[in-house]
Amino acid sequence: MTKKFTKDHEWVQVDGDVATVGVTDFAQSQLGDVVFVELPEPGRELEQGKEAAVVESVKAASDVYAPVSGTVIEANQALVDDPSMVNSAAEGEGWFFKIQLKDASELDGLMDESAYNAFVEESH
């Protein structure tokens, strides 16, 4: 499985033509305690770089952008019921949604983990 990262602090893990999307551990640490998430409905078409979901914390509300284009096939209902999963398992059980990839070549423009870690260190 391939895991890639965006400059907006989303991660995407690809298995075949299905991509699981969430926010990075760094993003959740910046947000603070997450109190609400709004996830895209299955069937919704997402465009790379466009708003896909919303995450609200005690500090602020932030958009979550689609790291790749595709069709939403599943939203993480457990996250709606327990938004704090973003804080406790941002890069695991706290995933946001899964999409059917439209164009796998979009992944080429994203960072791998070492590039993302360097990006975070440089920008903060």
PDB file of N, CA and C in Angstrom:
ATOM      1  N   MET A   1       0.841  -1.194   0.000  1.00  0.00           N
ATOM      2  CA  MET A   1       0.000   0.000   0.000  1.00  0.00           C
ATOM      3  C   MET A   1       0.877   1.245   0.000  1.00  0.00           C
ATOM      4  N   THR A   2       0.464   2.205  -0.762  1.00  0.00           N
ATOM      5  CA  THR A   2       1.192   3.459  -0.877  1.00  0.00           C
ATOM      6  C   THR A   2       0.539   4.499   0.023  1.00  0.00           C
ATOM      7  N   LYS A   3       1.351   5.219   0.800  1.00  0.00           N
ATOM      8  CA  LYS A   3       0.818   6.308   1.618  1.00  0.00           C
ATOM      9  C   LYS A   3       1.519   7.591   1.196  1.00  0.00           C
ATOM     10  N   LYS A   4       0.712   8.601   0.896  1.00  0.00           N
ATOM     11  CA  LYS A   4       1.232   9.888   0.439  1.00  0.00           C
ATOM     12  C   LYS A   4       0.627  11.001   1.284  1.00  0.00           C
ATOM     13  N   PHE A   5       1.236  12.192   1.192  1.00  0.00           N
ATOM     14  CA  PHE A   5       0.829  13.317   2.034  1.00  0.00           C
ATOM     15  C   PHE A   5       0.714  14.591   1.198  1.00  0.00           C
ATOM     16  N   THR A   6      -0.147  15.520   1.653  1.00  0.00           N
ATOM     17  CA  THR A   6      -0.312  16.802   0.966  1.00  0.00           C
ATOM     18  C   THR A   6       0.266  17.926   1.820  1.00  0.00           C
ATOM     19  N   LYS A   7       0.456  19.079   1.197  1.00  0.00           N
ATOM     20  CA  LYS A   7       0.926  20.260   1.930  1.00  0.00           C
ATOM     21  C   LYS A   7      -0.162  20.812   2.849  1.00  0.00           C
ATOM     22  N   ASP A   8      -1.397  20.351   2.668  1.00  0.00           N
ATOM     23  CA  ASP A   8      -2.501  20.765   3.547  1.00  0.00           C
ATOM     24  C   ASP A   8      -2.673  19.783   4.712  1.00  0.00           C
ATOM     25  N   HIS A   9      -1.720  18.871   4.858  1.00  0.00           N
ATOM     26  CA  HIS A   9      -1.682  17.923   5.981  1.00  0.00           C
ATOM     27  C   HIS A   9      -2.775  16.852   5.944  1.00  0.00           C
ATOM     28  N   GLU A  10      -3.104  16.411   4.733  1.00  0.00           N
ATOM     29  CA  GLU A  10      -3.938  15.216   4.590  1.00  0.00           C
ATOM     30  C   GLU A  10      -3.028  14.058   4.209  1.00  0.00           C
ATOM     31  N   TRP A  11      -3.448  12.854   4.552  1.00  0.00           N
ATOM     32  CA  TRP A  11      -2.754  11.650   4.087  1.00  0.00           C
ATOM     33  C   TRP A  11      -3.722  10.849   3.237  1.00  0.00           C
ATOM     34  N   VAL A  12      -3.164  10.071   2.347  1.00  0.00           N
ATOM     35  CA  VAL A  12      -3.959   9.189   1.498  1.00  0.00           C
ATOM     36  C   VAL A  12      -3.211   7.864   1.390  1.00  0.00           C
ATOM     37  N   GLN A  13      -3.911   6.803   1.681  1.00  0.00           N
ATOM     38  CA  GLN A  13      -3.324   5.465   1.575  1.00  0.00           C
ATOM     39  C   GLN A  13      -4.077   4.723   0.486  1.00  0.00           C
ATOM     40  N   VAL A  14      -3.339   4.207  -0.475  1.00  0.00           N
ATOM     41  CA  VAL A  14      -3.949   3.603  -1.653  1.00  0.00           C
ATOM     42  C   VAL A  14      -3.769   2.091  -1.633  1.00  0.00           C
ATOM     43  N   ASP A  15      -4.880   1.408  -1.853  1.00  0.00           N
ATOM     44  CA  ASP A  15      -4.881  -0.048  -1.962  1.00  0.00           C
ATOM     45  C   ASP A  15      -5.662  -0.367  -3.231  1.00  0.00           C
ATOM     46  N   GLY A  16      -4.930  -0.724  -4.295  1.00  0.00           N
ATOM     47  CA  GLY A  16      -5.595  -0.931  -5.587  1.00  0.00           C
ATOM     48  C   GLY A  16      -6.065   0.408  -6.128  1.00  0.00           C
ATOM     49  N   ASP A  17      -7.375   0.542  -6.370  1.00  0.00           N
ATOM     50  CA  ASP A  17      -7.897   1.824  -6.866  1.00  0.00           C
ATOM     51  C   ASP A  17      -8.764   2.509  -5.815  1.00  0.00           C
ATOM     52  N   VAL A  18      -8.603   2.107  -4.551  1.00  0.00           N
ATOM     53  CA  VAL A  18      -9.348   2.735  -3.457  1.00  0.00           C
ATOM     54  C   VAL A  18      -8.361   3.497  -2.571  1.00  0.00           C
ATOM     55  N   ALA A  19      -8.686   4.758  -2.305  1.00  0.00           N
ATOM     56  CA  ALA A  19      -7.836   5.608  -1.474  1.00  0.00           C
ATOM     57  C   ALA A  19      -8.562   5.952  -0.183  1.00  0.00           C
ATOM     58  N   THR A  20      -7.899   5.716   0.945  1.00  0.00           N
ATOM     59  CA  THR A  20      -8.417   6.119   2.258  1.00  0.00           C
ATOM     60  C   THR A  20      -7.754   7.438   2.611  1.00  0.00           C
ATOM     61  N   VAL A  21      -8.567   8.398   3.085  1.00  0.00           N
ATOM     62  CA  VAL A  21      -8.086   9.762   3.327  1.00  0.00           C
ATOM     63  C   VAL A  21      -8.334  10.163   4.775  1.00  0.00           C
ATOM     64  N   GLY A  22      -7.371  10.883   5.335  1.00  0.00           N
ATOM     65  CA  GLY A  22      -7.525  11.433   6.681  1.00  0.00           C
ATOM     66  C   GLY A  22      -6.594  12.616   6.859  1.00  0.00           C
ATOM     67  N   VAL A  23      -6.550  13.149   8.073  1.00  0.00           N
ATOM     68  CA  VAL A  23      -5.618  14.237   8.376  1.00  0.00           C
ATOM     69  C   VAL A  23      -4.435  13.653   9.136  1.00  0.00           C
ATOM     70  N   THR A  24      -3.302  14.310   9.007  1.00  0.00           N
ATOM     71  CA  THR A  24      -2.081  13.790   9.623  1.00  0.00           C
ATOM     72  C   THR A  24      -2.074  14.031  11.130  1.00  0.00           C
ATOM     73  N   ASP A  25      -1.188  13.311  11.772  1.00  0.00           N
ATOM     74  CA  ASP A  25      -1.002  13.478  13.205  1.00  0.00           C
ATOM     75  C   ASP A  25      -0.597  14.915  13.519  1.00  0.00           C
ATOM     76  N   PHE A  26       0.238  15.507  12.656  1.00  0.00           N
ATOM     77  CA  PHE A  26       0.633  16.904  12.837  1.00  0.00           C
ATOM     78  C   PHE A  26      -0.595  17.818  12.789  1.00  0.00           C
ATOM     79  N   ALA A  27      -1.485  17.581  11.821  1.00  0.00           N
ATOM     80  CA  ALA A  27      -2.685  18.419  11.684  1.00  0.00           C
ATOM     81  C   ALA A  27      -3.552  18.340  12.937  1.00  0.00           C
ATOM     82  N   GLN A  28      -3.778  17.132  13.448  1.00  0.00           N
ATOM     83  CA  GLN A  28      -4.634  17.016  14.625  1.00  0.00           C
ATOM     84  C   GLN A  28      -3.980  17.678  15.831  1.00  0.00           C
ATOM     85  N   SER A  29      -2.635  17.650  15.908  1.00  0.00           N
ATOM     86  CA  SER A  29      -1.962  18.282  17.042  1.00  0.00           C
ATOM     87  C   SER A  29      -2.117  19.799  16.979  1.00  0.00           C
ATOM     88  N   GLN A  30      -2.176  20.348  15.766  1.00  0.00           N
ATOM     89  CA  GLN A  30      -2.389  21.788  15.587  1.00  0.00           C
ATOM     90  C   GLN A  30      -3.833  22.184  15.872  1.00  0.00           C
ATOM     91  N   LEU A  31      -4.763  21.299  15.557  1.00  0.00           N
ATOM     92  CA  LEU A  31      -6.184  21.585  15.766  1.00  0.00           C
ATOM     93  C   LEU A  31      -6.568  21.592  17.241  1.00  0.00           C
ATOM     94  N   GLY A  32      -5.979  20.712  18.001  1.00  0.00           N
ATOM     95  CA  GLY A  32      -6.413  20.535  19.385  1.00  0.00           C
ATOM     96  C   GLY A  32      -7.567  19.547  19.427  1.00  0.00           C
ATOM     97  N   ASP A  33      -8.365  19.598  20.477  1.00  0.00           N
ATOM     98  CA  ASP A  33      -9.431  18.615  20.675  1.00  0.00           C
ATOM     99  C   ASP A  33     -10.519  18.752  19.619  1.00  0.00           C
ATOM    100  N   VAL A  34     -10.684  17.710  18.809  1.00  0.00           N
ATOM    101  CA  VAL A  34     -11.682  17.711  17.743  1.00  0.00           C
ATOM    102  C   VAL A  34     -13.060  17.396  18.337  1.00  0.00           C
ATOM    103  N   VAL A  35     -14.043  18.235  17.992  1.00  0.00           N
ATOM    104  CA  VAL A  35     -15.384  18.082  18.557  1.00  0.00           C
ATOM    105  C   VAL A  35     -16.456  17.748  17.518  1.00  0.00           C
ATOM    106  N   PHE A  36     -16.130  17.915  16.223  1.00  0.00           N
ATOM    107  CA  PHE A  36     -17.133  17.682  15.179  1.00  0.00           C
ATOM    108  C   PHE A  36     -16.441  17.425  13.842  1.00  0.00           C
ATOM    109  N   VAL A  37     -16.972  16.506  13.064  1.00  0.00           N
ATOM    110  CA  VAL A  37     -16.513  16.317  11.688  1.00  0.00           C
ATOM    111  C   VAL A  37     -17.724  16.250  10.770  1.00  0.00           C
ATOM    112  N   GLU A  38     -17.558  16.790   9.588  1.00  0.00           N
ATOM    113  CA  GLU A  38     -18.582  16.693   8.544  1.00  0.00           C
ATOM    114  C   GLU A  38     -17.920  15.982   7.375  1.00  0.00           C
ATOM    115  N   LEU A  39     -18.463  14.833   7.020  1.00  0.00           N
ATOM    116  CA  LEU A  39     -17.842  13.995   5.997  1.00  0.00           C
ATOM    117  C   LEU A  39     -18.650  14.023   4.699  1.00  0.00           C
ATOM    118  N   PRO A  40     -17.997  13.760   3.573  1.00  0.00           N
ATOM    119  CA  PRO A  40     -18.726  13.739   2.296  1.00  0.00           C
ATOM    120  C   PRO A  40     -19.622  12.503   2.192  1.00  0.00           C
ATOM    121  N   GLU A  41     -20.736  12.674   1.511  1.00  0.00           N
ATOM    122  CA  GLU A  41     -21.673  11.568   1.303  1.00  0.00           C
ATOM    123  C   GLU A  41     -21.142  10.603   0.253  1.00  0.00           C
ATOM    124  N   PRO A  42     -21.359   9.294   0.452  1.00  0.00           N
ATOM    125  CA  PRO A  42     -20.995   8.338  -0.601  1.00  0.00           C
ATOM    126  C   PRO A  42     -21.685   8.719  -1.917  1.00  0.00           C
ATOM    127  N   GLY A  43     -20.935   8.585  -3.011  1.00  0.00           N
ATOM    128  CA  GLY A  43     -21.459   8.966  -4.320  1.00  0.00           C
ATOM    129  C   GLY A  43     -21.009  10.347  -4.756  1.00  0.00           C
ATOM    130  N   ARG A  44     -20.530  11.159  -3.819  1.00  0.00           N
ATOM    131  CA  ARG A  44     -20.085  12.516  -4.158  1.00  0.00           C
ATOM    132  C   ARG A  44     -18.775  12.454  -4.938  1.00  0.00           C
ATOM    133  N   GLU A  45     -18.703  13.251  -5.992  1.00  0.00           N
ATOM    134  CA  GLU A  45     -17.475  13.353  -6.790  1.00  0.00           C
ATOM    135  C   GLU A  45     -16.571  14.407  -6.149  1.00  0.00           C
ATOM    136  N   LEU A  46     -15.328  14.039  -5.909  1.00  0.00           N
ATOM    137  CA  LEU A  46     -14.368  14.978  -5.333  1.00  0.00           C
ATOM    138  C   LEU A  46     -13.286  15.300  -6.354  1.00  0.00           C
ATOM    139  N   GLU A  47     -12.827  16.546  -6.291  1.00  0.00           N
ATOM    140  CA  GLU A  47     -11.765  16.994  -7.178  1.00  0.00           C
ATOM    141  C   GLU A  47     -10.524  17.234  -6.359  1.00  0.00           C
ATOM    142  N   GLN A  48      -9.381  16.826  -6.879  1.00  0.00           N
ATOM    143  CA  GLN A  48      -8.123  17.006  -6.166  1.00  0.00           C
ATOM    144  C   GLN A  48      -7.945  18.467  -5.757  1.00  0.00           C
ATOM    145  N   GLY A  49      -7.609  18.694  -4.475  1.00  0.00           N
ATOM    146  CA  GLY A  49      -7.347  20.039  -3.985  1.00  0.00           C
ATOM    147  C   GLY A  49      -8.581  20.816  -3.569  1.00  0.00           C
ATOM    148  N   LYS A  50      -9.749  20.255  -3.779  1.00  0.00           N
ATOM    149  CA  LYS A  50     -11.000  20.950  -3.421  1.00  0.00           C
ATOM    150  C   LYS A  50     -11.508  20.442  -2.070  1.00  0.00           C
ATOM    151  N   GLU A  51     -12.350  21.257  -1.432  1.00  0.00           N
ATOM    152  CA  GLU A  51     -12.901  20.910  -0.125  1.00  0.00           C
ATOM    153  C   GLU A  51     -13.684  19.596  -0.184  1.00  0.00           C
ATOM    154  N   ALA A  52     -13.419  18.718   0.784  1.00  0.00           N
ATOM    155  CA  ALA A  52     -14.093  17.426   0.827  1.00  0.00           C
ATOM    156  C   ALA A  52     -14.812  17.193   2.142  1.00  0.00           C
ATOM    157  N   ALA A  53     -14.266  17.744   3.236  1.00  0.00           N
ATOM    158  CA  ALA A  53     -14.828  17.514   4.569  1.00  0.00           C
ATOM    159  C   ALA A  53     -14.486  18.713   5.443  1.00  0.00           C
ATOM    160  N   VAL A  54     -15.073  18.724   6.647  1.00  0.00           N
ATOM    161  CA  VAL A  54     -14.800  19.790   7.616  1.00  0.00           C
ATOM    162  C   VAL A  54     -14.486  19.134   8.947  1.00  0.00           C
ATOM    163  N   VAL A  55     -13.492  19.689   9.630  1.00  0.00           N
ATOM    164  CA  VAL A  55     -13.164  19.214  10.971  1.00  0.00           C
ATOM    165  C   VAL A  55     -13.166  20.434  11.893  1.00  0.00           C
ATOM    166  N   GLU A  56     -13.867  20.313  13.010  1.00  0.00           N
ATOM    167  CA  GLU A  56     -13.932  21.412  13.966  1.00  0.00           C
ATOM    168  C   GLU A  56     -13.324  20.977  15.282  1.00  0.00           C
ATOM    169  N   SER A  57     -12.521  21.886  15.843  1.00  0.00           N
ATOM    170  CA  SER A  57     -11.934  21.624  17.148  1.00  0.00           C
ATOM    171  C   SER A  57     -12.350  22.754  18.085  1.00  0.00           C
ATOM    172  N   VAL A  58     -11.893  22.666  19.312  1.00  0.00           N
ATOM    173  CA  VAL A  58     -12.192  23.737  20.256  1.00  0.00           C
ATOM    174  C   VAL A  58     -11.529  25.039  19.816  1.00  0.00           C
ATOM    175  N   LYS A  59     -10.507  24.954  18.971  1.00  0.00           N
ATOM    176  CA  LYS A  59      -9.790  26.143  18.507  1.00  0.00           C
ATOM    177  C   LYS A  59     -10.371  26.738  17.227  1.00  0.00           C
ATOM    178  N   ALA A  60     -10.717  25.877  16.260  1.00  0.00           N
ATOM    179  CA  ALA A  60     -11.075  26.390  14.928  1.00  0.00           C
ATOM    180  C   ALA A  60     -11.763  25.321  14.094  1.00  0.00           C
ATOM    181  N   ALA A  61     -12.356  25.781  12.985  1.00  0.00           N
ATOM    182  CA  ALA A  61     -12.903  24.858  11.990  1.00  0.00           C
ATOM    183  C   ALA A  61     -11.962  24.891  10.791  1.00  0.00           C
ATOM    184  N   SER A  62     -11.690  23.741  10.220  1.00  0.00           N
ATOM    185  CA  SER A  62     -10.784  23.655   9.083  1.00  0.00           C
ATOM    186  C   SER A  62     -11.384  22.775   8.005  1.00  0.00           C
ATOM    187  N   ASP A  63     -11.082  23.133   6.762  1.00  0.00           N
ATOM    188  CA  ASP A  63     -11.490  22.287   5.648  1.00  0.00           C
ATOM    189  C   ASP A  63     -10.487  21.156   5.492  1.00  0.00           C
ATOM    190  N   VAL A  64     -10.985  20.031   5.045  1.00  0.00           N
ATOM    191  CA  VAL A  64     -10.143  18.903   4.661  1.00  0.00           C
ATOM    192  C   VAL A  64     -10.289  18.791   3.151  1.00  0.00           C
ATOM    193  N   TYR A  65      -9.169  18.792   2.451  1.00  0.00           N
ATOM    194  CA  TYR A  65      -9.192  18.782   0.985  1.00  0.00           C
ATOM    195  C   TYR A  65      -8.950  17.379   0.441  1.00  0.00           C
ATOM    196  N   ALA A  66      -9.485  17.128  -0.718  1.00  0.00           N
ATOM    197  CA  ALA A  66      -9.288  15.826  -1.369  1.00  0.00           C
ATOM    198  C   ALA A  66      -7.869  15.774  -1.933  1.00  0.00           C
ATOM    199  N   PRO A  67      -7.045  14.817  -1.482  1.00  0.00           N
ATOM    200  CA  PRO A  67      -5.690  14.724  -2.025  1.00  0.00           C
ATOM    201  C   PRO A  67      -5.659  14.175  -3.450  1.00  0.00           C
ATOM    202  N   VAL A  68      -6.733  13.503  -3.839  1.00  0.00           N
ATOM    203  CA  VAL A  68      -6.878  12.952  -5.193  1.00  0.00           C
ATOM    204  C   VAL A  68      -8.336  13.071  -5.617  1.00  0.00           C
ATOM    205  N   SER A  69      -8.572  13.010  -6.906  1.00  0.00           N
ATOM    206  CA  SER A  69      -9.934  13.062  -7.432  1.00  0.00           C
ATOM    207  C   SER A  69     -10.559  11.672  -7.422  1.00  0.00           C
ATOM    208  N   GLY A  70     -11.881  11.638  -7.276  1.00  0.00           N
ATOM    209  CA  GLY A  70     -12.566  10.356  -7.319  1.00  0.00           C
ATOM    210  C   GLY A  70     -13.964  10.441  -6.738  1.00  0.00           C
ATOM    211  N   THR A  71     -14.586   9.284  -6.587  1.00  0.00           N
ATOM    212  CA  THR A  71     -15.942   9.190  -6.070  1.00  0.00           C
ATOM    213  C   THR A  71     -15.904   8.608  -4.662  1.00  0.00           C
ATOM    214  N   VAL A  72     -16.570   9.280  -3.729  1.00  0.00           N
ATOM    215  CA  VAL A  72     -16.621   8.799  -2.347  1.00  0.00           C
ATOM    216  C   VAL A  72     -17.380   7.477  -2.314  1.00  0.00           C
ATOM    217  N   ILE A  73     -16.762   6.449  -1.738  1.00  0.00           N
ATOM    218  CA  ILE A  73     -17.446   5.162  -1.621  1.00  0.00           C
ATOM    219  C   ILE A  73     -17.816   4.836  -0.174  1.00  0.00           C
ATOM    220  N   GLU A  74     -17.171   5.533   0.775  1.00  0.00           N
ATOM    221  CA  GLU A  74     -17.496   5.288   2.175  1.00  0.00           C
ATOM    222  C   GLU A  74     -17.034   6.465   3.028  1.00  0.00           C
ATOM    223  N   ALA A  75     -17.848   6.833   4.014  1.00  0.00           N
ATOM    224  CA  ALA A  75     -17.459   7.821   5.020  1.00  0.00           C
ATOM    225  C   ALA A  75     -17.332   7.073   6.346  1.00  0.00           C
ATOM    226  N   ASN A  76     -16.422   7.522   7.188  1.00  0.00           N
ATOM    227  CA  ASN A  76     -16.170   6.851   8.458  1.00  0.00           C
ATOM    228  C   ASN A  76     -17.210   7.286   9.496  1.00  0.00           C
ATOM    229  N   GLN A  77     -18.313   6.552   9.560  1.00  0.00           N
ATOM    230  CA  GLN A  77     -19.411   6.888  10.466  1.00  0.00           C
ATOM    231  C   GLN A  77     -18.962   6.892  11.923  1.00  0.00           C
ATOM    232  N   ALA A  78     -18.004   6.051  12.273  1.00  0.00           N
ATOM    233  CA  ALA A  78     -17.502   6.008  13.649  1.00  0.00           C
ATOM    234  C   ALA A  78     -16.905   7.354  14.060  1.00  0.00           C
ATOM    235  N   LEU A  79     -16.349   8.071  13.086  1.00  0.00           N
ATOM    236  CA  LEU A  79     -15.755   9.379  13.341  1.00  0.00           C
ATOM    237  C   LEU A  79     -16.822  10.424  13.653  1.00  0.00           C
ATOM    238  N   VAL A  80     -17.965  10.321  12.992  1.00  0.00           N
ATOM    239  CA  VAL A  80     -19.082  11.230  13.259  1.00  0.00           C
ATOM    240  C   VAL A  80     -19.573  11.015  14.695  1.00  0.00           C
ATOM    241  N   ASP A  81     -19.654   9.738  15.084  1.00  0.00           N
ATOM    242  CA  ASP A  81     -20.116   9.404  16.431  1.00  0.00           C
ATOM    243  C   ASP A  81     -19.098   9.771  17.508  1.00  0.00           C
ATOM    244  N   ASP A  82     -17.806   9.709  17.169  1.00  0.00           N
ATOM    245  CA  ASP A  82     -16.739   9.976  18.134  1.00  0.00           C
ATOM    246  C   ASP A  82     -15.614  10.761  17.460  1.00  0.00           C
ATOM    247  N   PRO A  83     -15.818  12.098  17.280  1.00  0.00           N
ATOM    248  CA  PRO A  83     -14.814  12.916  16.574  1.00  0.00           C
ATOM    249  C   PRO A  83     -13.438  12.896  17.231  1.00  0.00           C
ATOM    250  N   SER A  84     -13.361  12.566  18.517  1.00  0.00           N
ATOM    251  CA  SER A  84     -12.061  12.569  19.201  1.00  0.00           C
ATOM    252  C   SER A  84     -11.125  11.502  18.637  1.00  0.00           C
ATOM    253  N   MET A  85     -11.657  10.569  17.828  1.00  0.00           N
ATOM    254  CA  MET A  85     -10.793   9.576  17.173  1.00  0.00           C
ATOM    255  C   MET A  85      -9.763  10.254  16.271  1.00  0.00           C
ATOM    256  N   VAL A  86     -10.069  11.461  15.788  1.00  0.00           N
ATOM    257  CA  VAL A  86      -9.096  12.202  14.984  1.00  0.00           C
ATOM    258  C   VAL A  86      -7.859  12.460  15.836  1.00  0.00           C
ATOM    259  N   ASN A  87      -8.058  12.799  17.119  1.00  0.00           N
ATOM    260  CA  ASN A  87      -6.924  13.065  18.004  1.00  0.00           C
ATOM    261  C   ASN A  87      -6.188  11.794  18.414  1.00  0.00           C
ATOM    262  N   SER A  88      -6.921  10.742  18.686  1.00  0.00           N
ATOM    263  CA  SER A  88      -6.285   9.533  19.218  1.00  0.00           C
ATOM    264  C   SER A  88      -5.705   8.628  18.134  1.00  0.00           C
ATOM    265  N   ALA A  89      -6.244   8.692  16.916  1.00  0.00           N
ATOM    266  CA  ALA A  89      -5.775   7.796  15.853  1.00  0.00           C
ATOM    267  C   ALA A  89      -5.883   8.458  14.485  1.00  0.00           C
ATOM    268  N   ALA A  90      -5.268   9.637  14.351  1.00  0.00           N
ATOM    269  CA  ALA A  90      -5.398  10.429  13.118  1.00  0.00           C
ATOM    270  C   ALA A  90      -5.007   9.646  11.865  1.00  0.00           C
ATOM    271  N   GLU A  91      -3.967   8.845  11.971  1.00  0.00           N
ATOM    272  CA  GLU A  91      -3.491   8.139  10.782  1.00  0.00           C
ATOM    273  C   GLU A  91      -3.864   6.655  10.823  1.00  0.00           C
ATOM    274  N   GLY A  92      -4.941   6.345  11.547  1.00  0.00           N
ATOM    275  CA  GLY A  92      -5.427   4.971  11.632  1.00  0.00           C
ATOM    276  C   GLY A  92      -6.939   4.945  11.620  1.00  0.00           C
ATOM    277  N   GLU A  93      -7.535   4.566  12.752  1.00  0.00           N
ATOM    278  CA  GLU A  93      -8.994   4.453  12.863  1.00  0.00           C
ATOM    279  C   GLU A  93      -9.713   5.792  12.660  1.00  0.00           C
ATOM    280  N   GLY A  94      -8.986   6.888  12.751  1.00  0.00           N
ATOM    281  CA  GLY A  94      -9.585   8.214  12.582  1.00  0.00           C
ATOM    282  C   GLY A  94      -9.609   8.696  11.139  1.00  0.00           C
ATOM    283  N   TRP A  95      -9.594   7.761  10.177  1.00  0.00           N
ATOM    284  CA  TRP A  95      -9.683   8.147   8.759  1.00  0.00           C
ATOM    285  C   TRP A  95     -11.033   8.821   8.487  1.00  0.00           C
ATOM    286  N   PHE A  96     -11.091   9.618   7.422  1.00  0.00           N
ATOM    287  CA  PHE A  96     -12.295  10.392   7.109  1.00  0.00           C
ATOM    288  C   PHE A  96     -13.195   9.718   6.078  1.00  0.00           C
ATOM    289  N   PHE A  97     -12.617   9.371   4.926  1.00  0.00           N
ATOM    290  CA  PHE A  97     -13.438   8.785   3.861  1.00  0.00           C
ATOM    291  C   PHE A  97     -12.569   7.974   2.915  1.00  0.00           C
ATOM    292  N   LYS A  98     -13.250   7.149   2.117  1.00  0.00           N
ATOM    293  CA  LYS A  98     -12.579   6.358   1.084  1.00  0.00           C
ATOM    294  C   LYS A  98     -13.146   6.771  -0.266  1.00  0.00           C
ATOM    295  N   ILE A  99     -12.270   6.871  -1.242  1.00  0.00           N
ATOM    296  CA  ILE A  99     -12.722   7.212  -2.592  1.00  0.00           C
ATOM    297  C   ILE A  99     -12.155   6.245  -3.620  1.00  0.00           C
ATOM    298  N   GLN A 100     -12.940   6.082  -4.673  1.00  0.00           N
ATOM    299  CA  GLN A 100     -12.513   5.319  -5.849  1.00  0.00           C
ATOM    300  C   GLN A 100     -11.659   6.281  -6.672  1.00  0.00           C
ATOM    301  N   LEU A 101     -10.404   5.942  -6.862  1.00  0.00           N
ATOM    302  CA  LEU A 101      -9.490   6.816  -7.613  1.00  0.00           C
ATOM    303  C   LEU A 101      -9.958   7.024  -9.046  1.00  0.00           C
ATOM    304  N   LYS A 102      -9.866   8.277  -9.472  1.00  0.00           N
ATOM    305  CA  LYS A 102     -10.202   8.590 -10.854  1.00  0.00           C
ATOM    306  C   LYS A 102      -8.942   8.573 -11.718  1.00  0.00           C
ATOM    307  N   ASP A 103      -7.824   9.061 -11.148  1.00  0.00           N
ATOM    308  CA  ASP A 103      -6.580   9.169 -11.905  1.00  0.00           C
ATOM    309  C   ASP A 103      -5.401   8.934 -10.959  1.00  0.00           C
ATOM    310  N   ALA A 104      -4.874   7.726 -10.964  1.00  0.00           N
ATOM    311  CA  ALA A 104      -3.787   7.359 -10.047  1.00  0.00           C
ATOM    312  C   ALA A 104      -2.541   8.216 -10.246  1.00  0.00           C
ATOM    313  N   SER A 105      -2.374   8.820 -11.414  1.00  0.00           N
ATOM    314  CA  SER A 105      -1.179   9.636 -11.643  1.00  0.00           C
ATOM    315  C   SER A 105      -1.173  10.880 -10.756  1.00  0.00           C
ATOM    316  N   GLU A 106      -2.329  11.280 -10.208  1.00  0.00           N
ATOM    317  CA  GLU A 106      -2.363  12.424  -9.287  1.00  0.00           C
ATOM    318  C   GLU A 106      -1.503  12.162  -8.048  1.00  0.00           C
ATOM    319  N   LEU A 107      -1.331  10.899  -7.707  1.00  0.00           N
ATOM    320  CA  LEU A 107      -0.521  10.540  -6.543  1.00  0.00           C
ATOM    321  C   LEU A 107       0.936  10.955  -6.726  1.00  0.00           C
ATOM    322  N   ASP A 108       1.378  11.037  -7.967  1.00  0.00           N
ATOM    323  CA  ASP A 108       2.775  11.383  -8.245  1.00  0.00           C
ATOM    324  C   ASP A 108       3.142  12.771  -7.734  1.00  0.00           C
ATOM    325  N   GLY A 109       2.157  13.661  -7.621  1.00  0.00           N
ATOM    326  CA  GLY A 109       2.424  15.021  -7.166  1.00  0.00           C
ATOM    327  C   GLY A 109       2.407  15.174  -5.658  1.00  0.00           C
ATOM    328  N   LEU A 110       2.154  14.090  -4.933  1.00  0.00           N
ATOM    329  CA  LEU A 110       2.095  14.153  -3.473  1.00  0.00           C
ATOM    330  C   LEU A 110       3.423  13.710  -2.864  1.00  0.00           C
ATOM    331  N   MET A 111       3.609  14.024  -1.592  1.00  0.00           N
ATOM    332  CA  MET A 111       4.872  13.709  -0.914  1.00  0.00           C
ATOM    333  C   MET A 111       4.828  12.328  -0.264  1.00  0.00           C
ATOM    334  N   ASP A 112       5.997  11.683  -0.202  1.00  0.00           N
ATOM    335  CA  ASP A 112       6.095  10.472   0.599  1.00  0.00           C
ATOM    336  C   ASP A 112       6.331  10.898   2.057  1.00  0.00           C
ATOM    337  N   GLU A 113       6.409   9.939   2.953  1.00  0.00           N
ATOM    338  CA  GLU A 113       6.491  10.281   4.375  1.00  0.00           C
ATOM    339  C   GLU A 113       7.734  11.087   4.728  1.00  0.00           C
ATOM    340  N   SER A 114       8.881  10.737   4.179  1.00  0.00           N
ATOM    341  CA  SER A 114      10.094  11.481   4.528  1.00  0.00           C
ATOM    342  C   SER A 114      10.040  12.914   3.991  1.00  0.00           C
ATOM    343  N   ALA A 115       9.507  13.099   2.791  1.00  0.00           N
ATOM    344  CA  ALA A 115       9.363  14.453   2.236  1.00  0.00           C
ATOM    345  C   ALA A 115       8.364  15.261   3.061  1.00  0.00           C
ATOM    346  N   TYR A 116       7.286  14.611   3.492  1.00  0.00           N
ATOM    347  CA  TYR A 116       6.291  15.310   4.314  1.00  0.00           C
ATOM    348  C   TYR A 116       6.885  15.730   5.658  1.00  0.00           C
ATOM    349  N   ASN A 117       7.630  14.836   6.298  1.00  0.00           N
ATOM    350  CA  ASN A 117       8.243  15.170   7.582  1.00  0.00           C
ATOM    351  C   ASN A 117       9.214  16.339   7.446  1.00  0.00           C
ATOM    352  N   ALA A 118       9.958  16.378   6.351  1.00  0.00           N
ATOM    353  CA  ALA A 118      10.867  17.490   6.089  1.00  0.00           C
ATOM    354  C   ALA A 118      10.077  18.775   5.874  1.00  0.00           C
ATOM    355  N   PHE A 119       8.963  18.681   5.138  1.00  0.00           N
ATOM    356  CA  PHE A 119       8.102  19.845   4.889  1.00  0.00           C
ATOM    357  C   PHE A 119       7.575  20.419   6.201  1.00  0.00           C
ATOM    358  N   VAL A 120       7.107  19.542   7.109  1.00  0.00           N
ATOM    359  CA  VAL A 120       6.591  19.997   8.399  1.00  0.00           C
ATOM    360  C   VAL A 120       7.682  20.689   9.216  1.00  0.00           C
ATOM    361  N   GLU A 121       8.879  20.109   9.224  1.00  0.00           N
ATOM    362  CA  GLU A 121       9.984  20.695   9.983  1.00  0.00           C
ATOM    363  C   GLU A 121      10.373  22.057   9.435  1.00  0.00           C
ATOM    364  N   GLU A 122      10.395  22.188   8.105  1.00  0.00           N
ATOM    365  CA  GLU A 122      10.769  23.469   7.472  1.00  0.00           C
ATOM    366  C   GLU A 122       9.729  24.539   7.723  1.00  0.00           C
ATOM    367  N   SER A 123       8.451  24.157   7.689  1.00  0.00           N
ATOM    368  CA  SER A 123       7.395  25.175   7.757  1.00  0.00           C
ATOM    369  C   SER A 123       6.997  25.538   9.183  1.00  0.00           C
ATOM    370  N   HIS A 124       7.509  24.799  10.183  1.00  0.00           N
ATOM    371  CA  HIS A 124       7.096  25.114  11.563  1.00  0.00           C
ATOM    372  C   HIS A 124       8.269  25.182  12.480  1.00  0.00           C
TER     373      HIS A 124
END
